[in-house]
Amino acid sequence: MNRYARQTILPEVGDHGQARLSDARVLVVGAGGLAAPVLPLLAGAGIGHLTIVDPDEVALSNLHRQTLFTERDCGRPKAQVAAERSRALNAEVTISVQKMTLTSANSQDIVADADVILDCADSYAATYMLSDTCRALGKPLISASVLGMSGYVGGFCGGAPSLRAIFPDAPDSGASCSTAGVLGPVVAIIGAMQAQMALGLILGLSPSPLGQMVQFDARTMRSTTFRFENAPEPTHHFPFVSACQLNQDDLIIELRGPEEAPEPIHPKALRRPLDSLSIEPNKGIRLALCCATGLRAWRAAEQLKPNWPGEIVLVAASTS
């Protein structure tokens, strides 16, 4: 029996739909908790080419939600192990691995060849960089995020509004799974929805996953959904750039103290704490604000923007 018989029998798939899946090139950024359901589901469905991008190694503290891995995998590159598991599920799928951090310097090259991009990263700086890149290239982005007992998944760009249209302001906190905690089943539920959105997009299902947001609360087991096709893009935003894109002409402010970052982000960087930040405006200079995750930099940019006439960019050291 054909391995795809159980899905090709669906009128929404059929042989034509299966051919579309086989021709698709999908980029998955992040090989952690969200990717744990995403990658097997996409590989099992017969996606023709999967590219997995992740810079990290498997860690014991993540195994409760990163269920592609075992204890024996600890210390191995996550992208490599995830690729091995996906190949074992379906040898017909071509899988490429890039053990690297997504940055604004390489994001266009990484995204360019993909038909659909899935944001499975646990970093809002990476999420905003992916959204900016996908919007610039006209690529569809399925982005998801989980924290604690709740999460969301949405379809952005590719003709729909970007993630910045829905989340134009700095996050309320810089919390992540490593600092605030998360339950594995919540991640698996959101990841499965992310895979479904990707398949629905490739198959051309209606209504399109693009322009749709789903929010899920595991505490109450309730989900809400809404469409945002007409959401306006913000008139201005602070782009994330990589440390390698800083230059001698920039005014570079390192918001981390020596105890947090013994070496500043750039040799020319000036250390200034956020709570006492004061800078003389200069229209002709680009201002680069740097911190670990990008949150302090974003808040500093909002604080300085009314009196800074020039360009302001953000640098998240964790994604540089």
Protein backbone atom coordinates (compact mmCIF):
# COMPACT_ATOMS: atom_id res chain seq x y z
CA MET A 1 0.00 0.00 0.00
CA ASN A 2 1.20 3.51 -0.79
CA ARG A 3 2.63 5.11 2.36
CA TYR A 4 0.53 8.22 1.75
CA ALA A 5 -2.74 6.37 1.10
CA ARG A 6 -4.38 7.51 4.32
CA GLN A 7 -3.96 11.16 3.38
CA THR A 8 -4.35 11.00 -0.41
CA ILE A 9 -7.79 9.48 0.13
CA LEU A 10 -8.82 12.86 1.52
CA PRO A 11 -10.48 15.04 -1.12
CA GLU A 12 -8.41 17.96 0.16
CA VAL A 13 -5.21 16.07 -0.75
CA GLY A 14 -5.49 13.45 -3.48
CA ASP A 15 -2.67 12.71 -5.90
CA HIS A 16 -2.42 16.34 -6.95
CA GLY A 17 -2.05 17.51 -3.38
CA GLN A 18 0.52 14.84 -2.63
CA ALA A 19 2.53 16.03 -5.62
CA ARG A 20 2.44 19.56 -4.20
CA LEU A 21 3.75 18.27 -0.88
CA SER A 22 6.52 16.35 -2.63
CA ASP A 23 7.59 19.46 -4.53
CA ALA A 24 7.57 21.73 -1.48
CA ARG A 25 10.68 23.12 0.18
CA VAL A 26 10.13 23.91 3.86
CA LEU A 27 12.54 25.71 6.16
CA VAL A 28 12.29 24.98 9.90
CA VAL A 29 14.20 27.44 12.08
CA GLY A 30 14.76 25.86 15.49
CA ALA A 31 14.96 22.13 16.24
CA GLY A 32 13.60 22.19 19.80
CA GLY A 33 10.19 21.70 21.35
CA LEU A 34 8.01 23.05 18.55
CA ALA A 35 10.03 21.18 15.94
CA ALA A 36 9.55 17.90 17.83
CA PRO A 37 6.03 17.44 16.38
CA VAL A 38 6.58 19.66 13.33
CA LEU A 39 9.41 17.67 11.73
CA PRO A 40 7.94 14.15 12.01
CA LEU A 41 4.56 15.37 10.80
CA LEU A 42 6.04 17.15 7.78
CA ALA A 43 8.41 14.30 6.97
CA GLY A 44 5.61 11.76 7.39
CA ALA A 45 3.37 13.78 5.08
CA GLY A 46 6.02 13.60 2.36
CA ILE A 47 7.36 17.14 2.18
CA GLY A 48 9.98 16.97 -0.55
CA HIS A 49 12.75 18.99 1.05
CA LEU A 50 13.22 20.01 4.67
CA THR A 51 15.95 22.37 5.86
CA ILE A 52 16.63 22.47 9.61
CA VAL A 53 18.50 25.42 11.13
CA ASP A 54 19.62 25.33 14.78
CA PRO A 55 22.94 26.20 16.48
CA ASP A 56 22.50 24.28 19.75
CA GLU A 57 23.15 20.86 21.25
CA VAL A 58 20.68 18.52 22.93
CA ALA A 59 20.39 19.19 26.68
CA LEU A 60 18.86 17.01 29.39
CA SER A 61 16.74 19.88 30.78
CA ASN A 62 14.90 20.18 27.45
CA LEU A 63 13.95 16.54 26.90
CA HIS A 64 10.52 16.92 28.52
CA ARG A 65 9.38 18.88 25.48
CA GLN A 66 12.02 18.17 22.81
CA THR A 67 10.75 14.65 22.29
CA LEU A 68 12.71 13.93 19.11
CA PHE A 69 15.74 13.37 21.34
CA THR A 70 16.83 10.79 23.93
CA GLU A 71 19.25 10.91 26.84
CA ARG A 72 21.95 9.41 24.61
CA ASP A 73 21.68 12.42 22.29
CA CYS A 74 22.74 14.94 24.95
CA GLY A 75 25.64 17.02 23.68
CA ARG A 76 24.94 16.27 20.01
CA PRO A 77 23.79 18.96 17.56
CA LYS A 78 19.99 19.23 17.68
CA ALA A 79 19.63 19.87 13.94
CA GLN A 80 21.67 16.77 13.09
CA VAL A 81 19.76 14.48 15.44
CA ALA A 82 16.41 15.90 14.29
CA ALA A 83 17.41 15.21 10.69
CA GLU A 84 18.36 11.62 11.54
CA ARG A 85 15.01 10.99 13.22
CA SER A 86 13.11 12.52 10.29
CA ARG A 87 15.07 10.50 7.72
CA ALA A 88 14.35 7.34 9.69
CA LEU A 89 10.65 8.13 9.42
CA ASN A 90 10.70 8.80 5.68
CA ALA A 91 13.75 8.13 3.51
CA GLU A 92 12.03 9.76 0.53
CA VAL A 93 12.41 13.23 2.07
CA THR A 94 15.58 15.22 1.35
CA ILE A 95 16.80 16.88 4.55
CA SER A 96 19.47 19.58 4.83
CA VAL A 97 21.06 20.64 8.11
CA GLN A 98 22.55 24.01 8.96
CA LYS A 99 24.10 24.17 12.43
CA MET A 100 24.08 27.94 12.73
CA THR A 101 22.32 30.85 14.36
CA LEU A 102 19.82 32.76 12.26
CA THR A 103 20.91 36.41 12.07
CA SER A 104 19.92 39.43 10.04
CA ALA A 105 23.17 38.94 8.11
CA ASN A 106 22.30 35.43 6.88
CA SER A 107 18.50 35.33 7.07
CA GLN A 108 17.86 36.28 3.44
CA ASP A 109 20.20 33.57 2.15
CA ILE A 110 18.64 30.97 4.45
CA VAL A 111 15.05 31.92 3.58
CA ALA A 112 15.46 32.54 -0.15
CA ASP A 113 15.05 28.97 -1.44
CA ALA A 114 12.16 27.95 0.82
CA ASP A 115 8.50 27.88 -0.18
CA VAL A 116 7.28 27.99 3.43
CA ILE A 117 9.17 29.06 6.56
CA LEU A 118 8.35 27.75 10.03
CA ASP A 119 9.51 29.74 13.03
CA CYS A 120 10.17 27.19 15.78
CA ALA A 121 12.79 29.30 17.57
CA ASP A 122 12.61 30.21 21.25
CA SER A 123 13.73 33.80 20.58
CA TYR A 124 11.53 36.75 19.75
CA ALA A 125 14.55 38.52 18.17
CA ALA A 126 14.81 35.61 15.70
CA THR A 127 11.04 35.71 15.21
CA TYR A 128 11.04 39.39 14.27
CA MET A 129 14.06 38.92 12.01
CA LEU A 130 12.28 36.08 10.22
CA SER A 131 9.13 38.16 9.85
CA ASP A 132 11.06 41.11 8.41
CA THR A 133 12.92 38.85 6.01
CA CYS A 134 9.82 36.94 4.88
CA ARG A 135 7.93 40.17 4.31
CA ALA A 136 10.81 41.57 2.23
CA LEU A 137 11.02 38.39 0.13
CA GLY A 138 7.28 37.74 -0.07
CA LYS A 139 7.62 34.38 1.68
CA PRO A 140 4.92 32.87 3.93
CA LEU A 141 5.84 32.44 7.59
CA ILE A 142 4.14 30.13 10.07
CA SER A 143 5.27 31.40 13.46
CA ALA A 144 4.52 29.94 16.87
CA SER A 145 5.44 30.64 20.47
CA VAL A 146 4.78 28.86 23.75
CA LEU A 147 5.41 29.96 27.31
CA GLY A 148 4.13 28.44 30.51
CA MET A 149 0.67 27.02 29.83
CA SER A 150 -0.29 28.91 26.69
CA GLY A 151 0.85 29.72 23.19
CA TYR A 152 -0.12 30.89 19.73
CA VAL A 153 0.45 30.03 16.09
CA GLY A 154 -0.22 32.29 13.11
CA GLY A 155 0.31 32.65 9.39
CA PHE A 156 2.17 35.82 8.40
CA CYS A 157 3.68 37.52 5.36
CA GLY A 158 3.46 35.96 1.89
CA GLY A 159 0.68 38.42 1.07
CA ALA A 160 -0.69 38.58 4.62
CA PRO A 161 0.31 41.15 7.25
CA SER A 162 3.61 40.56 9.02
CA LEU A 163 4.07 39.56 12.64
CA ARG A 164 4.80 43.22 13.44
CA ALA A 165 1.24 44.11 12.40
CA ILE A 166 -0.05 41.94 15.26
CA PHE A 167 2.80 42.49 17.73
CA PRO A 168 4.14 45.99 16.98
CA ASP A 169 5.36 46.74 20.51
CA ALA A 170 8.16 45.37 22.67
CA PRO A 171 7.18 42.20 24.56
CA ASP A 172 6.05 42.72 28.14
CA SER A 173 8.92 40.58 29.40
CA GLY A 174 11.99 38.82 28.16
CA ALA A 175 10.85 35.49 29.62
CA SER A 176 11.65 32.32 27.72
CA CYS A 177 11.09 28.61 28.30
CA SER A 178 14.41 28.44 30.15
CA THR A 179 13.47 31.26 32.54
CA ALA A 180 9.68 30.97 32.93
CA GLY A 181 9.08 27.27 32.30
CA VAL A 182 6.79 25.39 29.95
CA LEU A 183 4.81 22.14 29.84
CA GLY A 184 5.66 19.64 27.10
CA PRO A 185 2.09 18.88 25.93
CA VAL A 186 1.40 22.59 25.35
CA VAL A 187 4.41 22.78 23.06
CA ALA A 188 3.33 19.62 21.24
CA ILE A 189 -0.20 20.95 20.67
CA ILE A 190 1.04 24.25 19.25
CA GLY A 191 3.69 22.50 17.15
CA ALA A 192 1.10 20.15 15.67
CA MET A 193 -1.07 23.14 14.75
CA GLN A 194 1.98 24.76 13.16
CA ALA A 195 2.53 21.67 11.01
CA GLN A 196 -1.14 21.63 10.03
CA MET A 197 -0.97 25.29 8.98
CA ALA A 198 2.08 24.55 6.84
CA LEU A 199 0.40 21.59 5.15
CA GLY A 200 -2.81 23.58 4.64
CA LEU A 201 -0.85 26.36 3.01
CA ILE A 202 1.00 24.03 0.65
CA LEU A 203 -2.22 22.21 -0.26
CA GLY A 204 -4.01 25.50 -0.88
CA LEU A 205 -6.75 24.85 1.65
CA SER A 206 -9.42 27.51 2.17
CA PRO A 207 -9.53 29.61 4.22
CA SER A 208 -5.81 30.17 3.96
CA PRO A 209 -3.74 29.80 7.13
CA LEU A 210 -2.14 33.12 6.18
CA GLY A 211 -3.81 35.94 8.04
CA GLN A 212 -5.06 33.62 10.78
CA MET A 213 -4.06 33.48 14.46
CA VAL A 214 -4.85 30.68 16.92
CA GLN A 215 -4.28 31.10 20.65
CA PHE A 216 -4.44 28.16 23.03
CA ASP A 217 -4.67 28.11 26.84
CA ALA A 218 -3.86 24.68 28.25
CA ARG A 219 -5.03 25.64 31.74
CA THR A 220 -8.62 26.03 30.55
CA MET A 221 -8.28 23.86 27.41
CA ARG A 222 -9.74 26.70 25.37
CA SER A 223 -8.60 28.09 22.06
CA THR A 224 -9.52 31.27 20.23
CA THR A 225 -8.91 32.19 16.64
CA PHE A 226 -9.20 35.34 14.58
CA ARG A 227 -8.28 36.59 11.14
CA PHE A 228 -6.15 39.68 10.55
CA GLU A 229 -5.91 40.13 6.78
CA ASN A 230 -6.58 43.86 7.13
CA ALA A 231 -4.23 44.56 10.04
CA PRO A 232 -2.09 47.61 9.17
CA GLU A 233 1.67 47.41 9.21
CA PRO A 234 3.33 49.72 11.75
CA THR A 235 4.61 52.95 10.24
CA HIS A 236 7.95 52.50 11.96
CA HIS A 237 9.88 49.72 13.65
CA PHE A 238 13.32 49.08 15.08
CA PRO A 239 15.07 46.40 13.00
CA PHE A 240 17.34 43.78 14.51
CA VAL A 241 20.85 43.61 13.07
CA SER A 242 23.78 41.33 13.80
CA ALA A 243 26.98 42.31 15.55
CA CYS A 244 28.91 41.70 12.33
CA GLN A 245 26.82 44.41 10.64
CA LEU A 246 27.94 47.12 13.05
CA ASN A 247 30.56 49.55 11.78
CA GLN A 248 32.92 52.22 13.04
CA ASP A 249 30.50 55.01 12.13
CA ASP A 250 27.73 53.67 14.40
CA LEU A 251 27.13 54.91 17.91
CA ILE A 252 27.08 51.55 19.70
CA ILE A 253 25.61 51.36 23.18
CA GLU A 254 26.19 48.20 25.22
CA LEU A 255 23.39 47.96 27.77
CA ARG A 256 24.89 44.95 29.55
CA GLY A 257 27.25 45.51 32.46
CA PRO A 258 30.70 43.92 32.74
CA GLU A 259 29.35 41.23 35.08
CA GLU A 260 26.87 40.12 32.41
CA ALA A 261 29.10 40.64 29.39
CA PRO A 262 32.83 40.92 30.20
CA GLU A 263 33.41 41.65 26.52
CA PRO A 264 31.09 44.23 24.94
CA ILE A 265 29.31 43.45 21.68
CA HIS A 266 31.79 45.60 19.72
CA PRO A 267 35.21 47.10 20.54
CA LYS A 268 33.78 50.59 19.92
CA ALA A 269 30.75 50.04 22.15
CA LEU A 270 30.04 52.37 25.07
CA ARG A 271 28.58 50.83 28.20
CA ARG A 272 25.43 52.58 29.40
CA PRO A 273 22.81 51.11 31.78
CA LEU A 274 19.19 51.39 30.68
CA ASP A 275 18.07 53.18 33.86
CA SER A 276 20.45 56.09 33.29
CA LEU A 277 20.60 56.23 29.51
CA SER A 278 21.16 59.71 28.07
CA ILE A 279 22.62 60.34 24.63
CA GLU A 280 23.16 63.55 22.69
CA PRO A 281 21.09 63.37 19.47
CA ASN A 282 22.97 63.15 16.16
CA LYS A 283 20.97 62.84 12.94
CA GLY A 284 23.89 61.64 10.88
CA ILE A 285 24.78 58.64 13.03
CA ARG A 286 23.07 55.28 13.31
CA LEU A 287 22.39 54.31 16.91
CA ALA A 288 22.86 50.63 17.75
CA LEU A 289 21.49 49.43 21.09
CA CYS A 290 22.74 46.07 22.34
CA CYS A 291 21.67 43.61 25.06
CA ALA A 292 21.30 39.86 25.54
CA THR A 293 17.82 39.24 24.10
CA GLY A 294 16.97 42.56 22.45
CA LEU A 295 14.27 43.51 24.98
CA ARG A 296 16.29 46.14 26.86
CA ALA A 297 17.54 47.48 23.55
CA TRP A 298 13.96 47.77 22.25
CA ARG A 299 12.80 49.57 25.39
CA ALA A 300 15.80 51.90 25.21
CA ALA A 301 14.97 52.62 21.56
CA GLU A 302 11.40 53.55 22.49
CA GLN A 303 12.77 55.82 25.21
CA LEU A 304 15.26 57.58 22.93
CA LYS A 305 13.28 57.72 19.67
CA PRO A 306 11.42 61.01 20.42
CA ASN A 307 14.75 62.83 20.68
CA TRP A 308 16.87 60.81 18.27
CA PRO A 309 16.33 61.91 14.65
CA GLY A 310 18.48 59.23 13.04
CA GLU A 311 18.15 55.47 12.54
CA ILE A 312 18.02 53.15 15.57
CA VAL A 313 18.78 49.44 15.30
CA LEU A 314 18.74 46.63 17.88
CA VAL A 315 21.30 43.91 18.52
CA ALA A 316 20.43 40.77 20.49
CA ALA A 317 23.72 39.18 21.54
CA SER A 318 22.08 35.78 21.93
CA THR A 319 21.28 35.71 18.18
CA SER A 320 24.45 37.40 16.91
